[in-house]
PDB file of N, CA and C in Angstrom:
ATOM      1  N   MET A   1     104.837  98.102  75.822  1.00  0.00           N
ATOM      2  CA  MET A   1     103.786  97.081  75.653  1.00  0.00           C
ATOM      3  C   MET A   1     102.597  97.426  76.510  1.00  0.00           C
ATOM      4  N   ILE A   2     102.741  98.003  77.633  1.00  0.00           N
ATOM      5  CA  ILE A   2     101.636  98.395  78.491  1.00  0.00           C
ATOM      6  C   ILE A   2     100.708  99.416  77.662  1.00  0.00           C
ATOM      7  N   GLU A   3     101.413 100.375  77.127  1.00  0.00           N
ATOM      8  CA  GLU A   3     100.705 101.457  76.468  1.00  0.00           C
ATOM      9  C   GLU A   3      99.834 100.897  75.347  1.00  0.00           C
ATOM     10  N   ARG A   4     100.337  99.942  74.613  1.00  0.00           N
ATOM     11  CA  ARG A   4      99.533  99.361  73.413  1.00  0.00           C
ATOM     12  C   ARG A   4      98.419  98.519  73.966  1.00  0.00           C
ATOM     13  N   THR A   5      98.367  98.120  75.223  1.00  0.00           N
ATOM     14  CA  THR A   5      97.240  97.424  75.717  1.00  0.00           C
ATOM     15  C   THR A   5      96.068  98.149  76.177  1.00  0.00           C
ATOM     16  N   THR A   6      96.032  99.556  75.998  1.00  0.00           N
ATOM     17  CA  THR A   6      95.005 100.415  76.401  1.00  0.00           C
ATOM     18  C   THR A   6      94.058 100.555  75.109  1.00  0.00           C
ATOM     19  N   ARG A   7      92.918 100.303  75.332  1.00  0.00           N
ATOM     20  CA  ARG A   7      91.875 100.573  74.446  1.00  0.00           C
ATOM     21  C   ARG A   7      90.480 101.017  74.969  1.00  0.00           C
ATOM     22  N   GLU A   8      90.199 102.163  74.346  1.00  0.00           N
ATOM     23  CA  GLU A   8      88.946 102.724  74.936  1.00  0.00           C
ATOM     24  C   GLU A   8      87.638 101.703  74.932  1.00  0.00           C
ATOM     25  N   ASN A   9      86.984 101.930  76.068  1.00  0.00           N
ATOM     26  CA  ASN A   9      85.841 100.943  76.103  1.00  0.00           C
ATOM     27  C   ASN A   9      85.966  99.509  76.370  1.00  0.00           C
ATOM     28  N   ASN A  10      87.285  99.018  76.673  1.00  0.00           N
ATOM     29  CA  ASN A  10      87.673  97.714  76.817  1.00  0.00           C
ATOM     30  C   ASN A  10      86.984  97.079  78.032  1.00  0.00           C
ATOM     31  N   GLY A  11      86.474  97.971  79.001  1.00  0.00           N
ATOM     32  CA  GLY A  11      85.695  97.381  80.116  1.00  0.00           C
ATOM     33  C   GLY A  11      84.523  96.709  79.652  1.00  0.00           C
ATOM     34  N   SER A  12      83.881  96.918  78.468  1.00  0.00           N
ATOM     35  CA  SER A  12      82.682  96.417  77.980  1.00  0.00           C
ATOM     36  C   SER A  12      82.903  94.854  77.863  1.00  0.00           C
ATOM     37  N   TYR A  13      84.128  94.343  77.586  1.00  0.00           N
ATOM     38  CA  TYR A  13      84.494  92.988  77.402  1.00  0.00           C
ATOM     39  C   TYR A  13      85.321  92.388  78.279  1.00  0.00           C
ATOM     40  N   LEU A  14      86.157  93.093  78.963  1.00  0.00           N
ATOM     41  CA  LEU A  14      87.101  92.504  79.904  1.00  0.00           C
ATOM     42  C   LEU A  14      86.527  92.508  81.268  1.00  0.00           C
ATOM     43  N   VAL A  15      85.747  93.369  81.812  1.00  0.00           N
ATOM     44  CA  VAL A  15      85.012  93.422  83.100  1.00  0.00           C
ATOM     45  C   VAL A  15      83.783  92.496  82.872  1.00  0.00           C
ATOM     46  N   LYS A  16      83.848  91.442  83.743  1.00  0.00           N
ATOM     47  CA  LYS A  16      82.873  90.266  83.584  1.00  0.00           C
ATOM     48  C   LYS A  16      81.961  90.099  84.835  1.00  0.00           C
ATOM     49  N   GLY A  17      81.928  91.234  85.809  1.00  0.00           N
ATOM     50  CA  GLY A  17      81.086  91.253  86.832  1.00  0.00           C
ATOM     51  C   GLY A  17      81.495  90.514  88.129  1.00  0.00           C
ATOM     52  N   TYR A  18      81.485  91.058  89.234  1.00  0.00           N
ATOM     53  CA  TYR A  18      82.054  90.424  90.369  1.00  0.00           C
ATOM     54  C   TYR A  18      81.609  89.073  90.588  1.00  0.00           C
ATOM     55  N   LYS A  19      82.436  88.177  91.004  1.00  0.00           N
ATOM     56  CA  LYS A  19      82.153  86.709  91.341  1.00  0.00           C
ATOM     57  C   LYS A  19      81.523  85.989  90.159  1.00  0.00           C
ATOM     58  N   ASN A  20      81.789  86.293  89.039  1.00  0.00           N
ATOM     59  CA  ASN A  20      81.291  85.608  87.817  1.00  0.00           C
ATOM     60  C   ASN A  20      81.871  84.216  87.804  1.00  0.00           C
ATOM     61  N   PRO A  21      81.044  83.162  87.903  1.00  0.00           N
ATOM     62  CA  PRO A  21      81.603  81.833  87.926  1.00  0.00           C
ATOM     63  C   PRO A  21      82.177  81.338  86.705  1.00  0.00           C
ATOM     64  N   GLU A  22      81.835  81.931  85.546  1.00  0.00           N
ATOM     65  CA  GLU A  22      82.430  81.661  84.250  1.00  0.00           C
ATOM     66  C   GLU A  22      83.826  82.388  84.055  1.00  0.00           C
ATOM     67  N   PHE A  23      83.949  83.461  84.723  1.00  0.00           N
ATOM     68  CA  PHE A  23      85.326  84.209  84.627  1.00  0.00           C
ATOM     69  C   PHE A  23      85.634  84.546  86.032  1.00  0.00           C
ATOM     70  N   PRO A  24      86.246  83.596  86.824  1.00  0.00           N
ATOM     71  CA  PRO A  24      86.642  83.881  88.200  1.00  0.00           C
ATOM     72  C   PRO A  24      87.777  85.079  88.366  1.00  0.00           C
ATOM     73  N   TYR A  25      88.606  85.166  87.309  1.00  0.00           N
ATOM     74  CA  TYR A  25      89.619  86.206  87.352  1.00  0.00           C
ATOM     75  C   TYR A  25      89.253  87.413  86.749  1.00  0.00           C
ATOM     76  N   LEU A  26      88.707  87.402  85.478  1.00  0.00           N
ATOM     77  CA  LEU A  26      88.195  88.584  84.942  1.00  0.00           C
ATOM     78  C   LEU A  26      86.924  89.217  85.653  1.00  0.00           C
ATOM     79  N   GLY A  27      86.305  88.278  86.534  1.00  0.00           N
ATOM     80  CA  GLY A  27      85.258  88.664  87.414  1.00  0.00           C
ATOM     81  C   GLY A  27      85.722  89.696  88.490  1.00  0.00           C
ATOM     82  N   GLU A  28      87.009  89.710  88.764  1.00  0.00           N
ATOM     83  CA  GLU A  28      87.560  90.553  89.727  1.00  0.00           C
ATOM     84  C   GLU A  28      88.074  91.890  89.086  1.00  0.00           C
ATOM     85  N   VAL A  29      88.179  91.992  87.855  1.00  0.00           N
ATOM     86  CA  VAL A  29      88.493  93.294  87.186  1.00  0.00           C
ATOM     87  C   VAL A  29      87.564  94.375  87.417  1.00  0.00           C
ATOM     88  N   GLU A  30      88.056  95.472  87.865  1.00  0.00           N
ATOM     89  CA  GLU A  30      87.237  96.593  88.052  1.00  0.00           C
ATOM     90  C   GLU A  30      87.505  97.810  87.048  1.00  0.00           C
ATOM     91  N   LEU A  31      86.430  98.588  86.835  1.00  0.00           N
ATOM     92  CA  LEU A  31      86.732  99.695  85.909  1.00  0.00           C
ATOM     93  C   LEU A  31      87.411 100.939  86.505  1.00  0.00           C
ATOM     94  N   HIS A  32      86.946 101.041  87.781  1.00  0.00           N
ATOM     95  CA  HIS A  32      87.602 102.371  88.399  1.00  0.00           C
ATOM     96  C   HIS A  32      88.739 102.059  89.517  1.00  0.00           C
ATOM     97  N   ASP A  33      89.305 100.919  89.402  1.00  0.00           N
ATOM     98  CA  ASP A  33      90.319 100.719  90.505  1.00  0.00           C
ATOM     99  C   ASP A  33      91.196  99.605  89.917  1.00  0.00           C
ATOM    100  N   TYR A  34      92.358  99.488  90.584  1.00  0.00           N
ATOM    101  CA  TYR A  34      93.263  98.491  90.085  1.00  0.00           C
ATOM    102  C   TYR A  34      92.956  97.100  90.592  1.00  0.00           C
ATOM    103  N   SER A  35      93.137  96.141  89.580  1.00  0.00           N
ATOM    104  CA  SER A  35      93.045  94.762  89.865  1.00  0.00           C
ATOM    105  C   SER A  35      94.446  94.105  89.688  1.00  0.00           C
ATOM    106  N   VAL A  36      94.901  93.477  90.677  1.00  0.00           N
ATOM    107  CA  VAL A  36      96.435  92.914  90.581  1.00  0.00           C
ATOM    108  C   VAL A  36      96.377  91.411  90.472  1.00  0.00           C
ATOM    109  N   PHE A  37      97.005  90.878  89.500  1.00  0.00           N
ATOM    110  CA  PHE A  37      97.251  89.497  89.377  1.00  0.00           C
ATOM    111  C   PHE A  37      98.792  89.043  89.187  1.00  0.00           C
ATOM    112  N   ASP A  38      99.151  88.037  90.002  1.00  0.00           N
ATOM    113  CA  ASP A  38     100.547  87.665  89.917  1.00  0.00           C
ATOM    114  C   ASP A  38     100.961  86.593  88.968  1.00  0.00           C
ATOM    115  N   THR A  39     102.064  86.227  88.809  1.00  0.00           N
ATOM    116  CA  THR A  39     102.517  85.292  87.755  1.00  0.00           C
ATOM    117  C   THR A  39     101.695  84.074  87.779  1.00  0.00           C
ATOM    118  N   SER A  40     101.327  83.518  89.089  1.00  0.00           N
ATOM    119  CA  SER A  40     100.586  82.207  89.293  1.00  0.00           C
ATOM    120  C   SER A  40      99.129  82.224  88.779  1.00  0.00           C
ATOM    121  N   ASP A  41      98.680  83.548  88.462  1.00  0.00           N
ATOM    122  CA  ASP A  41      97.240  83.644  87.835  1.00  0.00           C
ATOM    123  C   ASP A  41      97.189  83.643  86.354  1.00  0.00           C
ATOM    124  N   MET A  42      98.375  83.750  85.848  1.00  0.00           N
ATOM    125  CA  MET A  42      98.379  84.016  84.307  1.00  0.00           C
ATOM    126  C   MET A  42      97.711  82.951  83.439  1.00  0.00           C
ATOM    127  N   ASP A  43      98.122  81.652  83.699  1.00  0.00           N
ATOM    128  CA  ASP A  43      97.511  80.739  82.949  1.00  0.00           C
ATOM    129  C   ASP A  43      95.925  80.772  82.843  1.00  0.00           C
ATOM    130  N   ALA A  44      95.428  80.929  84.081  1.00  0.00           N
ATOM    131  CA  ALA A  44      93.887  81.200  84.116  1.00  0.00           C
ATOM    132  C   ALA A  44      93.426  82.459  83.412  1.00  0.00           C
ATOM    133  N   ILE A  45      94.041  83.467  83.661  1.00  0.00           N
ATOM    134  CA  ILE A  45      93.728  84.648  83.010  1.00  0.00           C
ATOM    135  C   ILE A  45      93.747  84.515  81.363  1.00  0.00           C
ATOM    136  N   ILE A  46      94.952  83.876  80.908  1.00  0.00           N
ATOM    137  CA  ILE A  46      95.083  83.817  79.410  1.00  0.00           C
ATOM    138  C   ILE A  46      93.910  82.932  78.847  1.00  0.00           C
ATOM    139  N   GLU A  47      93.561  81.867  79.675  1.00  0.00           N
ATOM    140  CA  GLU A  47      92.389  81.056  79.177  1.00  0.00           C
ATOM    141  C   GLU A  47      91.179  81.844  79.261  1.00  0.00           C
ATOM    142  N   GLU A  48      90.904  82.687  80.156  1.00  0.00           N
ATOM    143  CA  GLU A  48      89.654  83.441  80.143  1.00  0.00           C
ATOM    144  C   GLU A  48      89.710  84.567  79.102  1.00  0.00           C
ATOM    145  N   LEU A  49      91.020  85.060  78.668  1.00  0.00           N
ATOM    146  CA  LEU A  49      90.989  86.188  77.686  1.00  0.00           C
ATOM    147  C   LEU A  49      90.687  85.384  76.327  1.00  0.00           C
ATOM    148  N   LEU A  50      91.148  84.107  76.104  1.00  0.00           N
ATOM    149  CA  LEU A  50      90.837  83.427  74.940  1.00  0.00           C
ATOM    150  C   LEU A  50      89.489  83.285  74.646  1.00  0.00           C
ATOM    151  N   GLN A  51      88.694  82.941  75.939  1.00  0.00           N
ATOM    152  CA  GLN A  51      87.252  82.782  75.763  1.00  0.00           C
ATOM    153  C   GLN A  51      86.615  84.072  75.364  1.00  0.00           C
ATOM    154  N   VAL A  52      87.042  85.097  76.015  1.00  0.00           N
ATOM    155  CA  VAL A  52      86.503  86.462  75.742  1.00  0.00           C
ATOM    156  C   VAL A  52      86.738  86.809  74.202  1.00  0.00           C
ATOM    157  N   ARG A  53      87.865  86.449  73.721  1.00  0.00           N
ATOM    158  CA  ARG A  53      88.152  86.814  72.371  1.00  0.00           C
ATOM    159  C   ARG A  53      87.204  86.139  71.462  1.00  0.00           C
ATOM    160  N   LYS A  54      86.585  85.083  71.690  1.00  0.00           N
ATOM    161  CA  LYS A  54      85.758  84.399  70.908  1.00  0.00           C
ATOM    162  C   LYS A  54      84.331  85.080  70.853  1.00  0.00           C
ATOM    163  N   GLU A  55      84.012  85.946  71.899  1.00  0.00           N
ATOM    164  CA  GLU A  55      82.727  86.503  71.991  1.00  0.00           C
ATOM    165  C   GLU A  55      82.715  87.969  71.496  1.00  0.00           C
ATOM    166  N   VAL A  56      83.816  88.534  71.272  1.00  0.00           N
ATOM    167  CA  VAL A  56      83.817  89.910  70.878  1.00  0.00           C
ATOM    168  C   VAL A  56      83.216  90.247  69.424  1.00  0.00           C
ATOM    169  N   THR A  57      82.865  91.366  69.074  1.00  0.00           N
ATOM    170  CA  THR A  57      82.156  91.509  67.811  1.00  0.00           C
ATOM    171  C   THR A  57      82.995  92.631  66.976  1.00  0.00           C
ATOM    172  N   ASP A  58      83.453  93.683  67.755  1.00  0.00           N
ATOM    173  CA  ASP A  58      84.123  94.640  67.044  1.00  0.00           C
ATOM    174  C   ASP A  58      85.518  94.126  66.466  1.00  0.00           C
ATOM    175  N   PRO A  59      85.889  94.483  65.217  1.00  0.00           N
ATOM    176  CA  PRO A  59      87.015  93.862  64.561  1.00  0.00           C
ATOM    177  C   PRO A  59      88.274  94.214  65.212  1.00  0.00           C
ATOM    178  N   GLU A  60      88.279  95.327  65.981  1.00  0.00           N
ATOM    179  CA  GLU A  60      89.619  95.810  66.694  1.00  0.00           C
ATOM    180  C   GLU A  60      89.829  95.197  67.975  1.00  0.00           C
ATOM    181  N   ASP A  61      88.666  94.619  68.526  1.00  0.00           N
ATOM    182  CA  ASP A  61      88.812  94.062  69.831  1.00  0.00           C
ATOM    183  C   ASP A  61      89.717  92.702  69.996  1.00  0.00           C
ATOM    184  N   PRO A  62      89.718  91.758  69.050  1.00  0.00           N
ATOM    185  CA  PRO A  62      90.597  90.725  69.093  1.00  0.00           C
ATOM    186  C   PRO A  62      92.128  90.970  69.196  1.00  0.00           C
ATOM    187  N   ALA A  63      92.370  92.116  68.362  1.00  0.00           N
ATOM    188  CA  ALA A  63      93.815  92.547  68.419  1.00  0.00           C
ATOM    189  C   ALA A  63      94.189  93.079  69.819  1.00  0.00           C
ATOM    190  N   HIS A  64      93.259  93.839  70.429  1.00  0.00           N
ATOM    191  CA  HIS A  64      93.477  94.235  71.796  1.00  0.00           C
ATOM    192  C   HIS A  64      93.653  93.098  72.802  1.00  0.00           C
ATOM    193  N   ILE A  65      92.762  92.107  72.661  1.00  0.00           N
ATOM    194  CA  ILE A  65      92.926  91.043  73.623  1.00  0.00           C
ATOM    195  C   ILE A  65      94.182  90.165  73.344  1.00  0.00           C
ATOM    196  N   ASP A  66      94.545  90.166  72.138  1.00  0.00           N
ATOM    197  CA  ASP A  66      95.938  89.543  71.892  1.00  0.00           C
ATOM    198  C   ASP A  66      97.024  90.348  72.480  1.00  0.00           C
ATOM    199  N   GLU A  67      96.984  91.632  72.650  1.00  0.00           N
ATOM    200  CA  GLU A  67      97.985  92.417  73.319  1.00  0.00           C
ATOM    201  C   GLU A  67      98.010  92.148  74.733  1.00  0.00           C
ATOM    202  N   VAL A  68      96.802  92.139  75.338  1.00  0.00           N
ATOM    203  CA  VAL A  68      96.731  91.852  76.774  1.00  0.00           C
ATOM    204  C   VAL A  68      97.179  90.363  77.078  1.00  0.00           C
ATOM    205  N   THR A  69      96.912  89.395  76.204  1.00  0.00           N
ATOM    206  CA  THR A  69      97.349  88.072  76.417  1.00  0.00           C
ATOM    207  C   THR A  69      98.877  88.110  76.242  1.00  0.00           C
ATOM    208  N   ARG A  70      99.518  88.715  75.346  1.00  0.00           N
ATOM    209  CA  ARG A  70     100.951  88.691  75.302  1.00  0.00           C
ATOM    210  C   ARG A  70     101.464  89.350  76.599  1.00  0.00           C
ATOM    211  N   LEU A  71     100.924  90.407  77.085  1.00  0.00           N
ATOM    212  CA  LEU A  71     101.291  90.975  78.362  1.00  0.00           C
ATOM    213  C   LEU A  71     101.249  89.976  79.500  1.00  0.00           C
ATOM    214  N   ALA A  72     100.215  89.157  79.463  1.00  0.00           N
ATOM    215  CA  ALA A  72      99.989  88.230  80.561  1.00  0.00           C
ATOM    216  C   ALA A  72     101.110  87.112  80.412  1.00  0.00           C
ATOM    217  N   LYS A  73     101.397  86.793  79.162  1.00  0.00           N
ATOM    218  CA  LYS A  73     102.331  85.688  78.974  1.00  0.00           C
ATOM    219  C   LYS A  73     103.789  86.214  79.392  1.00  0.00           C
ATOM    220  N   LYS A  74     104.035  87.542  79.134  1.00  0.00           N
ATOM    221  CA  LYS A  74     105.264  88.165  79.531  1.00  0.00           C
ATOM    222  C   LYS A  74     105.425  88.184  81.053  1.00  0.00           C
ATOM    223  N   CYS A  75     104.158  88.418  81.619  1.00  0.00           N
ATOM    224  CA  CYS A  75     104.284  88.409  83.236  1.00  0.00           C
ATOM    225  C   CYS A  75     104.534  87.062  83.768  1.00  0.00           C
ATOM    226  N   LYS A  76     103.835  86.035  83.122  1.00  0.00           N
ATOM    227  CA  LYS A  76     104.243  84.491  83.552  1.00  0.00           C
ATOM    228  C   LYS A  76     105.581  84.205  83.278  1.00  0.00           C
ATOM    229  N   GLU A  77     106.306  84.798  82.391  1.00  0.00           N
ATOM    230  CA  GLU A  77     107.787  84.487  82.018  1.00  0.00           C
ATOM    231  C   GLU A  77     108.651  85.326  82.909  1.00  0.00           C
ATOM    232  N   THR A  78     108.182  86.203  83.700  1.00  0.00           N
ATOM    233  CA  THR A  78     109.039  87.128  84.489  1.00  0.00           C
ATOM    234  C   THR A  78     108.578  87.035  85.838  1.00  0.00           C
ATOM    235  N   PRO A  79     109.552  86.187  86.615  1.00  0.00           N
ATOM    236  CA  PRO A  79     109.341  86.176  87.996  1.00  0.00           C
ATOM    237  C   PRO A  79     109.098  87.483  88.706  1.00  0.00           C
ATOM    238  N   ASP A  80     108.249  87.460  89.671  1.00  0.00           N
ATOM    239  CA  ASP A  80     107.978  88.531  90.643  1.00  0.00           C
ATOM    240  C   ASP A  80     107.375  89.695  90.013  1.00  0.00           C
ATOM    241  N   THR A  81     106.687  89.512  88.919  1.00  0.00           N
ATOM    242  CA  THR A  81     105.881  90.540  88.253  1.00  0.00           C
ATOM    243  C   THR A  81     104.425  90.424  88.522  1.00  0.00           C
ATOM    244  N   VAL A  82     103.698  91.480  88.304  1.00  0.00           N
ATOM    245  CA  VAL A  82     102.233  91.386  88.474  1.00  0.00           C
ATOM    246  C   VAL A  82     101.639  92.122  87.140  1.00  0.00           C
ATOM    247  N   LEU A  83     100.383  91.741  86.913  1.00  0.00           N
ATOM    248  CA  LEU A  83      99.624  92.341  85.934  1.00  0.00           C
ATOM    249  C   LEU A  83      98.471  93.068  86.614  1.00  0.00           C
ATOM    250  N   LYS A  84      98.436  94.365  86.283  1.00  0.00           N
ATOM    251  CA  LYS A  84      97.270  95.189  87.069  1.00  0.00           C
ATOM    252  C   LYS A  84      96.551  96.070  85.861  1.00  0.00           C
TER     253      LYS A  84
END
């Protein structure tokens, strides 16, 4: 599942800029370092991913966001896991 969530140039829509008030969780995502979120963060991350999904224009991007969302849901359902 993790391998499927890799998409080249996904930082253009998943990285929202540090301390972005509209995307408090995706605003923490970095391109060149790990960002780690635990199960308690998943509801907010999923909500932000759904918002991003509405904004993308490349026809392949929604499918990628759906994969990341599924991964976040799996993390939420699996205690003691993280999404990074």
